[in-house]
Amino acid sequence: MWREARAQFFKMATTSGQVRRAKGAYERMKGEAIELQLECGEYAARARAAGGDFFTARRRVLEANRQQEKLGILRDEIRLLAQQSEM
């Protein structure tokens, strides 16, 4: 059975037209792949930039939360001192 398959494989003939069509399809696919690679590179660059913006914003929010916490502590201390001075 494998000998038959092998013999049929070697009997196959490829015409020059088939080669040209295959080469044309290859070149089209190659061009499409290059375009897709460029698009993906641009998308990745935008994603990296957006990621950087996200982490910058996150850091600012965390800093603002810490500052708010500090202000809350100071407010509580001021209230306590105000209450103590009224007594």
N, C-alpha and C. Protein backbone atom coordinates (compact mmCIF):
# COMPACT_ATOMS: atom_id res chain seq x y z
N MET A 1 0.82 -1.19 0.00
CA MET A 1 0.00 0.00 0.00
C MET A 1 0.87 1.26 0.00
N TRP A 2 1.87 1.31 0.88
CA TRP A 2 2.71 2.50 0.90
C TRP A 2 3.52 2.63 -0.36
N ARG A 3 3.82 1.49 -0.98
CA ARG A 3 4.57 1.55 -2.24
C ARG A 3 3.71 2.20 -3.32
N GLU A 4 2.41 1.91 -3.29
CA GLU A 4 1.50 2.53 -4.26
C GLU A 4 1.45 4.04 -4.04
N ALA A 5 1.31 4.43 -2.78
CA ALA A 5 1.24 5.86 -2.46
C ALA A 5 2.54 6.55 -2.87
N ARG A 6 3.65 5.88 -2.62
CA ARG A 6 4.95 6.45 -3.00
C ARG A 6 5.06 6.58 -4.50
N ALA A 7 4.64 5.59 -5.21
CA ALA A 7 4.70 5.60 -6.68
C ALA A 7 3.80 6.70 -7.23
N GLN A 8 2.59 6.86 -6.66
CA GLN A 8 1.69 7.92 -7.12
C GLN A 8 2.29 9.30 -6.83
N PHE A 9 2.95 9.42 -5.69
CA PHE A 9 3.57 10.70 -5.34
C PHE A 9 4.61 11.08 -6.39
N PHE A 10 5.44 10.13 -6.76
CA PHE A 10 6.49 10.43 -7.72
C PHE A 10 5.96 10.58 -9.15
N LYS A 11 4.75 10.11 -9.43
CA LYS A 11 4.15 10.28 -10.74
C LYS A 11 3.51 11.66 -10.90
N MET A 12 3.32 12.36 -9.80
CA MET A 12 2.66 13.67 -9.88
C MET A 12 3.50 14.62 -10.72
N ALA A 13 2.80 15.42 -11.48
CA ALA A 13 3.48 16.41 -12.31
C ALA A 13 2.90 17.78 -11.98
N THR A 14 3.77 18.74 -11.91
CA THR A 14 3.36 20.11 -11.63
C THR A 14 3.63 20.94 -12.86
N THR A 15 2.60 21.65 -13.32
CA THR A 15 2.77 22.48 -14.51
C THR A 15 3.33 23.84 -14.12
N SER A 16 3.84 24.54 -15.09
CA SER A 16 4.39 25.88 -14.81
C SER A 16 3.28 26.83 -14.38
N GLY A 17 2.06 26.62 -14.90
CA GLY A 17 0.92 27.45 -14.50
C GLY A 17 0.60 27.25 -13.02
N GLN A 18 0.65 25.99 -12.58
CA GLN A 18 0.41 25.70 -11.17
C GLN A 18 1.48 26.35 -10.29
N VAL A 19 2.70 26.31 -10.76
CA VAL A 19 3.81 26.92 -10.01
C VAL A 19 3.61 28.43 -9.92
N ARG A 20 3.24 29.06 -11.04
CA ARG A 20 3.00 30.51 -11.03
C ARG A 20 1.86 30.89 -10.09
N ARG A 21 0.76 30.11 -10.16
CA ARG A 21 -0.38 30.39 -9.26
C ARG A 21 0.04 30.23 -7.79
N ALA A 22 0.77 29.17 -7.52
CA ALA A 22 1.21 28.94 -6.15
C ALA A 22 2.15 30.06 -5.69
N LYS A 23 3.04 30.48 -6.58
CA LYS A 23 3.98 31.55 -6.24
C LYS A 23 3.23 32.87 -6.02
N GLY A 24 2.22 33.14 -6.88
CA GLY A 24 1.41 34.35 -6.72
C GLY A 24 0.66 34.33 -5.39
N ALA A 25 0.08 33.18 -5.05
CA ALA A 25 -0.64 33.05 -3.77
C ALA A 25 0.34 33.26 -2.61
N TYR A 26 1.53 32.69 -2.74
CA TYR A 26 2.55 32.84 -1.70
C TYR A 26 2.91 34.31 -1.52
N GLU A 27 3.13 35.02 -2.63
CA GLU A 27 3.52 36.43 -2.55
C GLU A 27 2.39 37.27 -1.94
N ARG A 28 1.12 36.98 -2.31
CA ARG A 28 -0.01 37.71 -1.71
C ARG A 28 -0.07 37.46 -0.20
N MET A 29 0.07 36.20 0.16
CA MET A 29 0.02 35.85 1.58
C MET A 29 1.19 36.48 2.34
N LYS A 30 2.33 36.53 1.70
CA LYS A 30 3.51 37.14 2.31
C LYS A 30 3.26 38.63 2.55
N GLY A 31 2.68 39.32 1.56
CA GLY A 31 2.35 40.74 1.71
C GLY A 31 1.33 40.97 2.81
N GLU A 32 0.29 40.11 2.84
CA GLU A 32 -0.73 40.22 3.88
C GLU A 32 -0.12 40.01 5.26
N ALA A 33 0.80 39.06 5.36
CA ALA A 33 1.45 38.78 6.64
C ALA A 33 2.29 39.97 7.10
N ILE A 34 2.97 40.62 6.17
CA ILE A 34 3.77 41.80 6.51
C ILE A 34 2.86 42.92 7.00
N GLU A 35 1.73 43.15 6.30
CA GLU A 35 0.78 44.19 6.72
C GLU A 35 0.22 43.88 8.09
N LEU A 36 -0.15 42.62 8.31
CA LEU A 36 -0.70 42.21 9.60
C LEU A 36 0.33 42.39 10.71
N GLN A 37 1.57 42.07 10.41
CA GLN A 37 2.64 42.23 11.40
C GLN A 37 2.81 43.71 11.76
N LEU A 38 2.75 44.59 10.77
CA LEU A 38 2.87 46.03 11.03
C LEU A 38 1.69 46.53 11.87
N GLU A 39 0.47 46.08 11.51
CA GLU A 39 -0.72 46.47 12.27
C GLU A 39 -0.61 46.00 13.71
N CYS A 40 -0.16 44.77 13.89
CA CYS A 40 -0.01 44.23 15.25
C CYS A 40 1.05 45.00 16.03
N GLY A 41 2.11 45.40 15.36
CA GLY A 41 3.15 46.19 16.02
C GLY A 41 2.61 47.53 16.48
N GLU A 42 1.80 48.17 15.62
CA GLU A 42 1.19 49.44 16.00
C GLU A 42 0.22 49.25 17.15
N TYR A 43 -0.57 48.19 17.09
CA TYR A 43 -1.52 47.90 18.17
C TYR A 43 -0.78 47.65 19.48
N ALA A 44 0.31 46.90 19.41
CA ALA A 44 1.10 46.62 20.62
C ALA A 44 1.70 47.91 21.19
N ALA A 45 2.15 48.80 20.32
CA ALA A 45 2.71 50.08 20.80
C ALA A 45 1.64 50.90 21.50
N ARG A 46 0.42 50.94 20.91
CA ARG A 46 -0.69 51.67 21.56
C ARG A 46 -1.04 51.03 22.90
N ALA A 47 -1.03 49.70 22.94
CA ALA A 47 -1.36 48.99 24.18
C ALA A 47 -0.31 49.28 25.25
N ARG A 48 0.97 49.31 24.86
CA ARG A 48 2.04 49.63 25.83
C ARG A 48 1.86 51.04 26.36
N ALA A 49 1.54 51.98 25.47
CA ALA A 49 1.35 53.37 25.89
C ALA A 49 0.14 53.48 26.83
N ALA A 50 -0.94 52.80 26.47
CA ALA A 50 -2.13 52.82 27.32
C ALA A 50 -1.83 52.17 28.67
N GLY A 51 -1.04 51.12 28.65
CA GLY A 51 -0.65 50.45 29.90
C GLY A 51 0.15 51.40 30.78
N GLY A 52 1.04 52.15 30.15
CA GLY A 52 1.83 53.13 30.91
C GLY A 52 0.94 54.19 31.51
N ASP A 53 -0.03 54.67 30.73
CA ASP A 53 -0.99 55.67 31.23
C ASP A 53 -1.78 55.09 32.39
N PHE A 54 -2.19 53.83 32.27
CA PHE A 54 -2.97 53.20 33.33
C PHE A 54 -2.17 53.17 34.63
N PHE A 55 -0.91 52.76 34.55
CA PHE A 55 -0.12 52.64 35.78
C PHE A 55 0.22 54.01 36.36
N THR A 56 0.39 55.01 35.50
CA THR A 56 0.60 56.37 36.00
C THR A 56 -0.64 56.85 36.74
N ALA A 57 -1.82 56.63 36.15
CA ALA A 57 -3.07 57.03 36.79
C ALA A 57 -3.28 56.27 38.10
N ARG A 58 -2.97 54.99 38.08
CA ARG A 58 -3.12 54.18 39.30
C ARG A 58 -2.23 54.70 40.41
N ARG A 59 -0.99 55.03 40.07
CA ARG A 59 -0.06 55.57 41.07
C ARG A 59 -0.59 56.89 41.64
N ARG A 60 -1.15 57.74 40.77
CA ARG A 60 -1.70 59.02 41.23
C ARG A 60 -2.89 58.80 42.16
N VAL A 61 -3.74 57.84 41.82
CA VAL A 61 -4.89 57.55 42.69
C VAL A 61 -4.41 57.06 44.05
N LEU A 62 -3.44 56.18 44.06
CA LEU A 62 -2.91 55.68 45.34
C LEU A 62 -2.30 56.81 46.16
N GLU A 63 -1.57 57.71 45.50
CA GLU A 63 -1.00 58.86 46.20
C GLU A 63 -2.10 59.76 46.75
N ALA A 64 -3.16 59.98 45.96
CA ALA A 64 -4.28 60.81 46.41
C ALA A 64 -4.97 60.15 47.60
N ASN A 65 -5.13 58.84 47.56
CA ASN A 65 -5.74 58.13 48.69
C ASN A 65 -4.90 58.27 49.95
N ARG A 66 -3.58 58.16 49.82
CA ARG A 66 -2.69 58.34 50.98
C ARG A 66 -2.80 59.75 51.52
N GLN A 67 -2.84 60.72 50.61
CA GLN A 67 -2.96 62.12 51.03
C GLN A 67 -4.30 62.34 51.75
N GLN A 68 -5.36 61.75 51.22
CA GLN A 68 -6.68 61.87 51.84
C GLN A 68 -6.67 61.25 53.23
N GLU A 69 -5.98 60.13 53.37
CA GLU A 69 -5.87 59.47 54.67
C GLU A 69 -5.13 60.37 55.66
N LYS A 70 -4.04 60.98 55.20
CA LYS A 70 -3.28 61.90 56.06
C LYS A 70 -4.15 63.08 56.49
N LEU A 71 -4.92 63.61 55.52
CA LEU A 71 -5.80 64.74 55.85
C LEU A 71 -6.87 64.33 56.85
N GLY A 72 -7.38 63.12 56.72
CA GLY A 72 -8.38 62.61 57.67
C GLY A 72 -7.80 62.52 59.07
N ILE A 73 -6.57 62.05 59.18
CA ILE A 73 -5.91 61.96 60.49
C ILE A 73 -5.71 63.35 61.07
N LEU A 74 -5.24 64.29 60.25
CA LEU A 74 -5.04 65.67 60.73
C LEU A 74 -6.37 66.29 61.16
N ARG A 75 -7.43 66.07 60.39
CA ARG A 75 -8.76 66.59 60.73
C ARG A 75 -9.21 66.06 62.09
N ASP A 76 -9.01 64.77 62.32
CA ASP A 76 -9.40 64.16 63.59
C ASP A 76 -8.60 64.75 64.74
N GLU A 77 -7.31 64.98 64.52
CA GLU A 77 -6.46 65.58 65.57
C GLU A 77 -6.90 67.01 65.86
N ILE A 78 -7.24 67.76 64.82
CA ILE A 78 -7.70 69.15 65.00
C ILE A 78 -9.00 69.15 65.79
N ARG A 79 -9.93 68.28 65.47
CA ARG A 79 -11.19 68.18 66.21
C ARG A 79 -10.93 67.86 67.67
N LEU A 80 -10.05 66.89 67.91
CA LEU A 80 -9.75 66.50 69.28
C LEU A 80 -9.14 67.66 70.05
N LEU A 81 -8.21 68.39 69.42
CA LEU A 81 -7.60 69.54 70.09
C LEU A 81 -8.62 70.63 70.34
N ALA A 82 -9.55 70.84 69.37
CA ALA A 82 -10.59 71.87 69.52
C ALA A 82 -11.52 71.50 70.68
N GLN A 83 -11.83 70.21 70.79
CA GLN A 83 -12.72 69.77 71.88
C GLN A 83 -12.01 69.93 73.23
N GLN A 84 -10.73 69.63 73.26
CA GLN A 84 -9.97 69.73 74.51
C GLN A 84 -9.82 71.19 74.93
N SER A 85 -9.68 72.09 73.99
CA SER A 85 -9.52 73.50 74.34
C SER A 85 -10.84 74.12 74.80
N GLU A 86 -12.00 73.56 74.37
CA GLU A 86 -13.30 74.06 74.77
C GLU A 86 -13.63 73.63 76.19
N MET A 87 -13.04 72.59 76.67
CA MET A 87 -13.37 72.09 78.01
C MET A 87 -12.65 72.83 79.07
